[in-house]
Amino acid sequence: MSSDEKDVNEAHASCRGPGDRFNAELKNWPASSKIRSSPNRAAELVATAQTLMIANT
């Protein structure tokens, strides 16, 4: 792999990492499986939680 490709992969991984970590942690949240609102509302709640978690890291 060329040096440029390695640099691109590293940049991509650094952008992707926080979201991947959040999604892995979300699977362990008991409340995430008990959301009884509409799917759109649940998506908004998850997106908000993800934003807050990433901002605090």
N, C-alpha and C. Protein backbone atom coordinates (compact mmCIF):
# COMPACT_ATOMS: atom_id res chain seq x y z
N MET A 1 0.84 -1.17 0.00
CA MET A 1 0.00 0.00 0.00
C MET A 1 0.89 1.24 0.00
N SER A 2 0.52 2.20 -0.81
CA SER A 2 1.34 3.41 -0.92
C SER A 2 1.18 4.27 0.34
N SER A 3 2.08 5.21 0.48
CA SER A 3 2.04 6.12 1.63
C SER A 3 0.76 6.96 1.62
N ASP A 4 0.35 7.39 0.42
CA ASP A 4 -0.88 8.19 0.32
C ASP A 4 -2.11 7.37 0.73
N GLU A 5 -2.16 6.11 0.32
CA GLU A 5 -3.28 5.26 0.70
C GLU A 5 -3.32 5.03 2.21
N LYS A 6 -2.16 4.87 2.81
CA LYS A 6 -2.09 4.70 4.26
C LYS A 6 -2.59 5.94 4.97
N ASP A 7 -2.22 7.11 4.45
CA ASP A 7 -2.67 8.36 5.05
C ASP A 7 -4.18 8.50 4.96
N VAL A 8 -4.74 8.14 3.82
CA VAL A 8 -6.19 8.22 3.64
C VAL A 8 -6.89 7.25 4.59
N ASN A 9 -6.38 6.03 4.70
CA ASN A 9 -6.97 5.05 5.60
C ASN A 9 -6.92 5.51 7.05
N GLU A 10 -5.81 6.11 7.44
CA GLU A 10 -5.67 6.61 8.81
C GLU A 10 -6.66 7.73 9.09
N ALA A 11 -6.82 8.64 8.14
CA ALA A 11 -7.78 9.74 8.31
C ALA A 11 -9.21 9.21 8.38
N HIS A 12 -9.51 8.24 7.54
CA HIS A 12 -10.85 7.65 7.54
C HIS A 12 -11.14 6.95 8.86
N ALA A 13 -10.17 6.21 9.36
CA ALA A 13 -10.34 5.49 10.62
C ALA A 13 -10.53 6.45 11.79
N SER A 14 -9.84 7.58 11.78
CA SER A 14 -9.97 8.53 12.88
C SER A 14 -11.34 9.19 12.89
N CYS A 15 -11.94 9.36 11.71
CA CYS A 15 -13.30 9.93 11.63
C CYS A 15 -14.35 8.90 12.01
N ARG A 16 -14.10 7.66 11.67
CA ARG A 16 -15.06 6.59 11.88
C ARG A 16 -15.05 6.04 13.29
N GLY A 17 -13.93 6.13 13.96
CA GLY A 17 -13.76 5.51 15.27
C GLY A 17 -14.79 5.90 16.31
N PRO A 18 -15.04 7.19 16.54
CA PRO A 18 -16.01 7.55 17.59
C PRO A 18 -17.40 6.98 17.33
N GLY A 19 -17.85 7.00 16.10
CA GLY A 19 -19.17 6.45 15.79
C GLY A 19 -19.22 4.95 16.00
N ASP A 20 -18.17 4.25 15.62
CA ASP A 20 -18.12 2.80 15.82
C ASP A 20 -18.12 2.46 17.30
N ARG A 21 -17.38 3.21 18.10
CA ARG A 21 -17.35 2.96 19.54
C ARG A 21 -18.73 3.20 20.15
N PHE A 22 -19.40 4.27 19.71
CA PHE A 22 -20.72 4.56 20.24
C PHE A 22 -21.70 3.45 19.88
N ASN A 23 -21.68 3.00 18.64
CA ASN A 23 -22.61 1.94 18.23
C ASN A 23 -22.38 0.66 19.01
N ALA A 24 -21.13 0.35 19.30
CA ALA A 24 -20.83 -0.83 20.10
C ALA A 24 -21.35 -0.66 21.52
N GLU A 25 -21.21 0.52 22.08
CA GLU A 25 -21.69 0.77 23.44
C GLU A 25 -23.21 0.80 23.49
N LEU A 26 -23.84 1.31 22.44
CA LEU A 26 -25.30 1.40 22.39
C LEU A 26 -25.93 0.01 22.51
N LYS A 27 -25.29 -0.99 21.97
CA LYS A 27 -25.84 -2.35 22.03
C LYS A 27 -25.93 -2.85 23.46
N ASN A 28 -25.14 -2.28 24.37
CA ASN A 28 -25.16 -2.70 25.77
C ASN A 28 -26.13 -1.90 26.63
N TRP A 29 -26.76 -0.90 26.06
CA TRP A 29 -27.71 -0.08 26.82
C TRP A 29 -29.04 -0.82 26.92
N PRO A 30 -29.50 -1.12 28.11
CA PRO A 30 -30.79 -1.82 28.24
C PRO A 30 -31.96 -1.00 27.69
N ALA A 31 -31.89 0.30 27.83
CA ALA A 31 -33.00 1.14 27.39
C ALA A 31 -33.14 1.17 25.87
N SER A 32 -32.06 0.90 25.15
CA SER A 32 -32.14 1.00 23.70
C SER A 32 -33.06 -0.04 23.09
N SER A 33 -33.24 -1.17 23.75
CA SER A 33 -34.15 -2.19 23.22
C SER A 33 -35.59 -1.98 23.68
N LYS A 34 -35.81 -1.01 24.57
CA LYS A 34 -37.13 -0.79 25.12
C LYS A 34 -37.76 0.52 24.65
N ILE A 35 -37.16 1.17 23.67
CA ILE A 35 -37.73 2.42 23.15
C ILE A 35 -39.04 2.09 22.47
N ARG A 36 -40.11 2.72 22.91
CA ARG A 36 -41.43 2.41 22.38
C ARG A 36 -42.01 3.57 21.57
N SER A 37 -41.21 4.53 21.25
CA SER A 37 -41.69 5.64 20.43
C SER A 37 -41.54 5.27 18.96
N SER A 38 -41.85 6.20 18.11
CA SER A 38 -41.75 5.95 16.67
C SER A 38 -40.28 5.76 16.28
N PRO A 39 -40.02 5.05 15.20
CA PRO A 39 -38.63 4.86 14.76
C PRO A 39 -37.92 6.19 14.49
N ASN A 40 -38.64 7.17 13.97
CA ASN A 40 -38.02 8.47 13.70
C ASN A 40 -37.58 9.13 15.00
N ARG A 41 -38.43 9.06 16.01
CA ARG A 41 -38.09 9.66 17.31
C ARG A 41 -36.92 8.92 17.95
N ALA A 42 -36.92 7.60 17.85
CA ALA A 42 -35.82 6.81 18.39
C ALA A 42 -34.52 7.19 17.70
N ALA A 43 -34.55 7.39 16.40
CA ALA A 43 -33.34 7.77 15.66
C ALA A 43 -32.83 9.13 16.13
N GLU A 44 -33.75 10.06 16.41
CA GLU A 44 -33.35 11.38 16.91
C GLU A 44 -32.68 11.25 18.28
N LEU A 45 -33.25 10.42 19.14
CA LEU A 45 -32.68 10.23 20.48
C LEU A 45 -31.29 9.61 20.40
N VAL A 46 -31.13 8.62 19.55
CA VAL A 46 -29.83 7.95 19.41
C VAL A 46 -28.81 8.93 18.83
N ALA A 47 -29.21 9.71 17.84
CA ALA A 47 -28.29 10.68 17.24
C ALA A 47 -27.85 11.72 18.26
N THR A 48 -28.79 12.16 19.10
CA THR A 48 -28.46 13.13 20.15
C THR A 48 -27.48 12.52 21.16
N ALA A 49 -27.76 11.30 21.58
CA ALA A 49 -26.85 10.64 22.53
C ALA A 49 -25.48 10.45 21.93
N GLN A 50 -25.43 10.10 20.65
CA GLN A 50 -24.13 9.92 19.99
C GLN A 50 -23.36 11.23 19.94
N THR A 51 -24.03 12.31 19.61
CA THR A 51 -23.38 13.61 19.55
C THR A 51 -22.81 14.00 20.91
N LEU A 52 -23.60 13.80 21.95
CA LEU A 52 -23.13 14.14 23.29
C LEU A 52 -21.95 13.28 23.73
N MET A 53 -22.02 12.00 23.41
CA MET A 53 -20.92 11.11 23.81
C MET A 53 -19.63 11.47 23.08
N ILE A 54 -19.73 11.75 21.79
CA ILE A 54 -18.53 12.09 21.02
C ILE A 54 -17.96 13.43 21.49
N ALA A 55 -18.84 14.37 21.83
CA ALA A 55 -18.38 15.68 22.29
C ALA A 55 -17.66 15.59 23.63
N ASN A 56 -18.01 14.58 24.44
CA ASN A 56 -17.39 14.43 25.75
C ASN A 56 -16.13 13.60 25.74
N THR A 57 -15.70 13.11 24.59
CA THR A 57 -14.48 12.30 24.53
C THR A 57 -13.33 13.12 24.03
